[in-house]
Amino acid sequence: NTNIYPNPTHDNVTIEAQGMRHITVVSALGQVVYDADIEADMTQLNLGQFKAGLYMVRIDTENGSVVKRVSVVK
């Protein structure tokens, strides 16, 4: 079970996932804009540094991968 909130966002999002290992954020153009190893069940990302638009957030956990959409608004 994976949660990303608030969505849409204008700055920080909170990501919650049991056994989180890695997060990748990809823009609508297919560019990787964030890529990091995570060793926690909850983390915050500052998406306010990115342009307004739709982003795909891939969350890799010990149980598999999930892709969620996040809208960044300005």
C-alpha atoms as a PDB file:
ATOM      1  CA  ASN A   1       0.000   0.000   0.000  1.00  0.00           C
ATOM      2  CA  THR A   2       1.562   3.265  -1.191  1.00  0.00           C
ATOM      3  CA  ASN A   3       0.419   6.815  -0.450  1.00  0.00           C
ATOM      4  CA  ILE A   4       1.565  10.122  -1.948  1.00  0.00           C
ATOM      5  CA  TYR A   5       0.028  13.324  -0.597  1.00  0.00           C
ATOM      6  CA  PRO A   6      -0.898  16.098  -1.103  1.00  0.00           C
ATOM      7  CA  ASN A   7      -1.647  15.574  -4.775  1.00  0.00           C
ATOM      8  CA  PRO A   8      -1.672  17.992  -6.552  1.00  0.00           C
ATOM      9  CA  THR A   9       1.143  19.804  -4.781  1.00  0.00           C
ATOM     10  CA  HIS A  10       3.054  23.053  -5.128  1.00  0.00           C
ATOM     11  CA  ASP A  11       6.006  22.094  -2.914  1.00  0.00           C
ATOM     12  CA  ASN A  12       6.545  19.039  -0.677  1.00  0.00           C
ATOM     13  CA  VAL A  13       4.929  15.641  -1.026  1.00  0.00           C
ATOM     14  CA  THR A  14       4.985  12.873   1.547  1.00  0.00           C
ATOM     15  CA  ILE A  15       5.525   9.343   0.273  1.00  0.00           C
ATOM     16  CA  GLU A  16       4.588   6.387   2.447  1.00  0.00           C
ATOM     17  CA  ALA A  17       5.342   2.787   1.488  1.00  0.00           C
ATOM     18  CA  GLN A  18       6.276  -0.224   3.581  1.00  0.00           C
ATOM     19  CA  GLY A  19       9.851  -1.353   2.921  1.00  0.00           C
ATOM     20  CA  MET A  20      10.726   1.513   0.570  1.00  0.00           C
ATOM     21  CA  ARG A  21      14.115   1.081  -1.120  1.00  0.00           C
ATOM     22  CA  HIS A  22      14.316   3.520  -4.070  1.00  0.00           C
ATOM     23  CA  ILE A  23      12.403   6.454  -5.586  1.00  0.00           C
ATOM     24  CA  THR A  24      12.626   7.714  -9.165  1.00  0.00           C
ATOM     25  CA  VAL A  25      10.714  10.765 -10.421  1.00  0.00           C
ATOM     26  CA  VAL A  26      10.267  11.112 -14.192  1.00  0.00           C
ATOM     27  CA  SER A  27       8.880  14.176 -15.990  1.00  0.00           C
ATOM     28  CA  ALA A  28       6.195  14.005 -18.685  1.00  0.00           C
ATOM     29  CA  LEU A  29       9.034  14.268 -21.228  1.00  0.00           C
ATOM     30  CA  GLY A  30      10.633  11.096 -19.873  1.00  0.00           C
ATOM     31  CA  GLN A  31      13.533  12.830 -18.112  1.00  0.00           C
ATOM     32  CA  VAL A  32      14.646  11.479 -14.742  1.00  0.00           C
ATOM     33  CA  VAL A  33      14.510  14.522 -12.452  1.00  0.00           C
ATOM     34  CA  TYR A  34      15.070  12.721  -9.121  1.00  0.00           C
ATOM     35  CA  ASP A  35      16.622   9.360  -8.304  1.00  0.00           C
ATOM     36  CA  ALA A  36      17.612   8.219  -4.813  1.00  0.00           C
ATOM     37  CA  ASP A  37      17.905   5.248  -2.500  1.00  0.00           C
ATOM     38  CA  ILE A  38      15.518   5.443   0.454  1.00  0.00           C
ATOM     39  CA  GLU A  39      15.741   3.316   3.586  1.00  0.00           C
ATOM     40  CA  ALA A  40      12.528   4.340   5.347  1.00  0.00           C
ATOM     41  CA  ASP A  41       8.785   3.753   5.234  1.00  0.00           C
ATOM     42  CA  MET A  42       8.109   7.492   4.876  1.00  0.00           C
ATOM     43  CA  THR A  43       9.959  10.340   3.170  1.00  0.00           C
ATOM     44  CA  GLN A  44       9.324  13.860   1.901  1.00  0.00           C
ATOM     45  CA  LEU A  45      10.298  15.200  -1.514  1.00  0.00           C
ATOM     46  CA  ASN A  46      10.393  18.862  -2.521  1.00  0.00           C
ATOM     47  CA  LEU A  47       8.712  18.890  -5.930  1.00  0.00           C
ATOM     48  CA  GLY A  48       8.403  22.691  -5.838  1.00  0.00           C
ATOM     49  CA  GLN A  49      11.790  22.921  -7.559  1.00  0.00           C
ATOM     50  CA  PHE A  50      10.313  21.336 -10.709  1.00  0.00           C
ATOM     51  CA  LYS A  51       8.195  22.969 -13.406  1.00  0.00           C
ATOM     52  CA  ALA A  52       4.413  22.671 -13.218  1.00  0.00           C
ATOM     53  CA  GLY A  53       3.149  19.493 -14.828  1.00  0.00           C
ATOM     54  CA  LEU A  54       2.605  15.775 -14.406  1.00  0.00           C
ATOM     55  CA  TYR A  55       5.326  13.528 -12.973  1.00  0.00           C
ATOM     56  CA  MET A  56       5.555   9.764 -12.572  1.00  0.00           C
ATOM     57  CA  VAL A  57       6.934   8.577  -9.248  1.00  0.00           C
ATOM     58  CA  ARG A  58       8.295   5.034  -9.249  1.00  0.00           C
ATOM     59  CA  ILE A  59       8.575   3.585  -5.753  1.00  0.00           C
ATOM     60  CA  ASP A  60      10.606   0.406  -5.388  1.00  0.00           C
ATOM     61  CA  THR A  61       9.917  -1.584  -2.225  1.00  0.00           C
ATOM     62  CA  GLU A  62      11.023  -4.948  -0.933  1.00  0.00           C
ATOM     63  CA  ASN A  63       7.693  -6.289  -2.265  1.00  0.00           C
ATOM     64  CA  GLY A  64       7.874  -4.844  -5.790  1.00  0.00           C
ATOM     65  CA  SER A  65       7.397  -1.539  -7.612  1.00  0.00           C
ATOM     66  CA  VAL A  66       4.545   0.951  -7.868  1.00  0.00           C
ATOM     67  CA  VAL A  67       4.180   3.936 -10.208  1.00  0.00           C
ATOM     68  CA  LYS A  68       2.038   6.884  -9.103  1.00  0.00           C
ATOM     69  CA  ARG A  69       1.205  10.173 -10.848  1.00  0.00           C
ATOM     70  CA  VAL A  70       1.785  13.483  -9.110  1.00  0.00           C
ATOM     71  CA  SER A  71       0.719  16.909 -10.405  1.00  0.00           C
ATOM     72  CA  VAL A  72       2.866  19.922  -9.598  1.00  0.00           C
ATOM     73  CA  VAL A  73       0.992  23.225  -9.764  1.00  0.00           C
ATOM     74  CA  LYS A  74       2.368  26.752  -9.492  1.00  0.00           C
END
